[in-house]
Amino acid sequence: MNLKDRKVKKQVQAKLVYEQVRRSRKVCGMSKSVLFVIYINDMPEVVSNMIQLFADDTKIFSQISSQEDHALLQEDLQHLEAWASKWQLRFNSTKCKVMHLGHSNLIV
């Protein structure tokens, strides 16, 4: 998450102060990893399938047994793409993988 060129609001005594974010491991006493988790906290709300978040990894999974299941998963991927665009994040497509469990593929 790029915090450069952003300002944070904090209270100093009885006054609200806006301060430029400096490049540091902590912002307002919180580590960047905690801020990132807060930043992505609403991601599961945009999908209907199961999703797991761990650090900066995202896994979405579903059992595909019909054309409708396939369409729902594709819709969720599009929702995630829109979410990422809204928050100016991107998924690394070179790291995206599909894991298939079962004896046959459903031809869709």
C-alpha atoms as a PDB file:
ATOM      1  CA  MET A   1       0.000   0.000   0.000  1.00  0.00           C
ATOM      2  CA  ASN A   2       1.440   3.333  -0.995  1.00  0.00           C
ATOM      3  CA  LEU A   3       1.001   5.901   1.768  1.00  0.00           C
ATOM      4  CA  LYS A   4       3.217   8.489   0.082  1.00  0.00           C
ATOM      5  CA  ASP A   5       1.591  11.883  -0.519  1.00  0.00           C
ATOM      6  CA  ARG A   6      -1.224  11.167   1.927  1.00  0.00           C
ATOM      7  CA  LYS A   7      -2.088  13.011   5.089  1.00  0.00           C
ATOM      8  CA  VAL A   8      -3.329  11.588   8.347  1.00  0.00           C
ATOM      9  CA  LYS A   9      -5.504  13.316  10.910  1.00  0.00           C
ATOM     10  CA  LYS A  10      -4.618  12.995  14.549  1.00  0.00           C
ATOM     11  CA  GLN A  11      -5.542  14.754  17.735  1.00  0.00           C
ATOM     12  CA  VAL A  12      -2.840  16.602  19.623  1.00  0.00           C
ATOM     13  CA  GLN A  13      -4.200  17.828  22.948  1.00  0.00           C
ATOM     14  CA  ALA A  14      -7.494  19.479  21.950  1.00  0.00           C
ATOM     15  CA  LYS A  15      -6.525  20.247  18.336  1.00  0.00           C
ATOM     16  CA  LEU A  16      -6.898  18.184  15.178  1.00  0.00           C
ATOM     17  CA  VAL A  17      -3.701  18.178  13.161  1.00  0.00           C
ATOM     18  CA  TYR A  18      -3.152  16.985   9.573  1.00  0.00           C
ATOM     19  CA  GLU A  19       0.285  15.571   9.013  1.00  0.00           C
ATOM     20  CA  GLN A  20       2.080  14.323   5.902  1.00  0.00           C
ATOM     21  CA  VAL A  21       2.739  10.567   6.010  1.00  0.00           C
ATOM     22  CA  ARG A  22       6.455   9.865   6.166  1.00  0.00           C
ATOM     23  CA  ARG A  23       8.082   6.746   4.859  1.00  0.00           C
ATOM     24  CA  SER A  24       8.387   4.650   7.957  1.00  0.00           C
ATOM     25  CA  ARG A  25       7.514   1.224   9.230  1.00  0.00           C
ATOM     26  CA  LYS A  26       4.745   2.670  11.370  1.00  0.00           C
ATOM     27  CA  VAL A  27       1.992   5.155  10.652  1.00  0.00           C
ATOM     28  CA  CYS A  28       0.145   6.612  13.631  1.00  0.00           C
ATOM     29  CA  GLY A  29       1.552   3.817  15.775  1.00  0.00           C
ATOM     30  CA  MET A  30       0.275   1.033  13.477  1.00  0.00           C
ATOM     31  CA  SER A  31       2.433  -1.132  11.262  1.00  0.00           C
ATOM     32  CA  LYS A  32       1.896  -1.047   7.497  1.00  0.00           C
ATOM     33  CA  SER A  33       0.720  -4.667   7.592  1.00  0.00           C
ATOM     34  CA  VAL A  34      -2.088  -3.759  10.015  1.00  0.00           C
ATOM     35  CA  LEU A  35      -3.070  -0.829   7.807  1.00  0.00           C
ATOM     36  CA  PHE A  36      -3.112  -3.146   4.785  1.00  0.00           C
ATOM     37  CA  VAL A  37      -5.446  -5.576   6.564  1.00  0.00           C
ATOM     38  CA  ILE A  38      -7.775  -2.695   7.404  1.00  0.00           C
ATOM     39  CA  TYR A  39      -7.528  -1.518   3.788  1.00  0.00           C
ATOM     40  CA  ILE A  40      -8.642  -4.871   2.330  1.00  0.00           C
ATOM     41  CA  ASN A  41     -11.122  -5.741   5.080  1.00  0.00           C
ATOM     42  CA  ASP A  42     -14.194  -5.183   2.877  1.00  0.00           C
ATOM     43  CA  MET A  43     -13.007  -7.409   0.001  1.00  0.00           C
ATOM     44  CA  PRO A  44     -15.087 -10.465   1.093  1.00  0.00           C
ATOM     45  CA  GLU A  45     -18.256  -8.342   0.902  1.00  0.00           C
ATOM     46  CA  VAL A  46     -18.039  -8.074  -2.912  1.00  0.00           C
ATOM     47  CA  VAL A  47     -18.083 -11.825  -3.608  1.00  0.00           C
ATOM     48  CA  SER A  48     -20.708 -14.521  -3.113  1.00  0.00           C
ATOM     49  CA  ASN A  49     -18.275 -17.474  -3.143  1.00  0.00           C
ATOM     50  CA  MET A  50     -15.865 -18.389  -0.371  1.00  0.00           C
ATOM     51  CA  ILE A  51     -12.777 -16.205  -0.067  1.00  0.00           C
ATOM     52  CA  GLN A  52      -9.703 -16.409   2.159  1.00  0.00           C
ATOM     53  CA  LEU A  53      -7.297 -13.581   2.856  1.00  0.00           C
ATOM     54  CA  PHE A  54      -3.867 -14.062   4.357  1.00  0.00           C
ATOM     55  CA  ALA A  55      -1.361 -11.209   4.352  1.00  0.00           C
ATOM     56  CA  ASP A  56      -1.392 -10.072   0.713  1.00  0.00           C
ATOM     57  CA  ASP A  57      -2.697 -13.368  -0.690  1.00  0.00           C
ATOM     58  CA  THR A  58      -6.305 -13.851  -1.771  1.00  0.00           C
ATOM     59  CA  LYS A  59      -7.968 -17.175  -2.515  1.00  0.00           C
ATOM     60  CA  ILE A  60     -11.447 -17.503  -3.938  1.00  0.00           C
ATOM     61  CA  PHE A  61     -12.934 -20.942  -4.333  1.00  0.00           C
ATOM     62  CA  SER A  62     -16.119 -22.639  -5.332  1.00  0.00           C
ATOM     63  CA  GLN A  63     -17.509 -26.010  -6.273  1.00  0.00           C
ATOM     64  CA  ILE A  64     -18.426 -25.838  -9.957  1.00  0.00           C
ATOM     65  CA  SER A  65     -21.128 -28.341 -10.831  1.00  0.00           C
ATOM     66  CA  SER A  66     -23.229 -26.324 -13.262  1.00  0.00           C
ATOM     67  CA  GLN A  67     -23.151 -23.505 -15.760  1.00  0.00           C
ATOM     68  CA  GLU A  68     -24.647 -21.227 -13.077  1.00  0.00           C
ATOM     69  CA  ASP A  69     -21.786 -22.015 -10.647  1.00  0.00           C
ATOM     70  CA  HIS A  70     -19.313 -21.141 -13.378  1.00  0.00           C
ATOM     71  CA  ALA A  71     -21.114 -17.849 -14.071  1.00  0.00           C
ATOM     72  CA  LEU A  72     -21.159 -16.948 -10.342  1.00  0.00           C
ATOM     73  CA  LEU A  73     -17.420 -17.522 -10.016  1.00  0.00           C
ATOM     74  CA  GLN A  74     -16.743 -15.424 -13.118  1.00  0.00           C
ATOM     75  CA  GLU A  75     -18.986 -12.682 -11.716  1.00  0.00           C
ATOM     76  CA  ASP A  76     -17.058 -12.729  -8.433  1.00  0.00           C
ATOM     77  CA  LEU A  77     -13.766 -12.390 -10.317  1.00  0.00           C
ATOM     78  CA  GLN A  78     -15.180  -9.367 -12.118  1.00  0.00           C
ATOM     79  CA  HIS A  79     -16.358  -7.880  -8.807  1.00  0.00           C
ATOM     80  CA  LEU A  80     -12.854  -8.353  -7.371  1.00  0.00           C
ATOM     81  CA  GLU A  81     -11.366  -6.663 -10.416  1.00  0.00           C
ATOM     82  CA  ALA A  82     -13.720  -3.679  -9.947  1.00  0.00           C
ATOM     83  CA  TRP A  83     -12.921  -3.571  -6.215  1.00  0.00           C
ATOM     84  CA  ALA A  84      -9.176  -3.521  -6.937  1.00  0.00           C
ATOM     85  CA  SER A  85      -9.622  -0.756  -9.485  1.00  0.00           C
ATOM     86  CA  LYS A  86     -11.680   1.311  -7.033  1.00  0.00           C
ATOM     87  CA  TRP A  87      -8.977   1.062  -4.358  1.00  0.00           C
ATOM     88  CA  GLN A  88      -6.105   1.436  -6.863  1.00  0.00           C
ATOM     89  CA  LEU A  89      -4.729  -2.008  -6.148  1.00  0.00           C
ATOM     90  CA  ARG A  90      -3.919  -4.741  -8.601  1.00  0.00           C
ATOM     91  CA  PHE A  91      -3.796  -8.497  -8.520  1.00  0.00           C
ATOM     92  CA  ASN A  92      -0.598 -10.071  -9.805  1.00  0.00           C
ATOM     93  CA  SER A  93      -1.940 -12.176 -12.663  1.00  0.00           C
ATOM     94  CA  THR A  94       1.374 -14.044 -13.017  1.00  0.00           C
ATOM     95  CA  LYS A  95       0.736 -15.533  -9.569  1.00  0.00           C
ATOM     96  CA  CYS A  96      -2.885 -16.522 -10.275  1.00  0.00           C
ATOM     97  CA  LYS A  97      -3.449 -20.265 -10.365  1.00  0.00           C
ATOM     98  CA  VAL A  98      -6.393 -22.618 -10.796  1.00  0.00           C
ATOM     99  CA  MET A  99      -6.567 -25.766  -8.731  1.00  0.00           C
ATOM    100  CA  HIS A 100      -8.932 -28.449  -9.939  1.00  0.00           C
ATOM    101  CA  LEU A 101     -10.038 -31.276  -7.637  1.00  0.00           C
ATOM    102  CA  GLY A 102     -12.019 -34.142  -9.098  1.00  0.00           C
ATOM    103  CA  HIS A 103     -12.050 -36.731 -11.838  1.00  0.00           C
ATOM    104  CA  SER A 104     -13.343 -34.701 -14.748  1.00  0.00           C
ATOM    105  CA  ASN A 105     -13.711 -31.140 -15.941  1.00  0.00           C
ATOM    106  CA  LEU A 106     -17.082 -29.642 -16.536  1.00  0.00           C
ATOM    107  CA  ILE A 107     -17.064 -28.390 -20.104  1.00  0.00           C
ATOM    108  CA  VAL A 108     -18.418 -24.883 -19.920  1.00  0.00           C
END
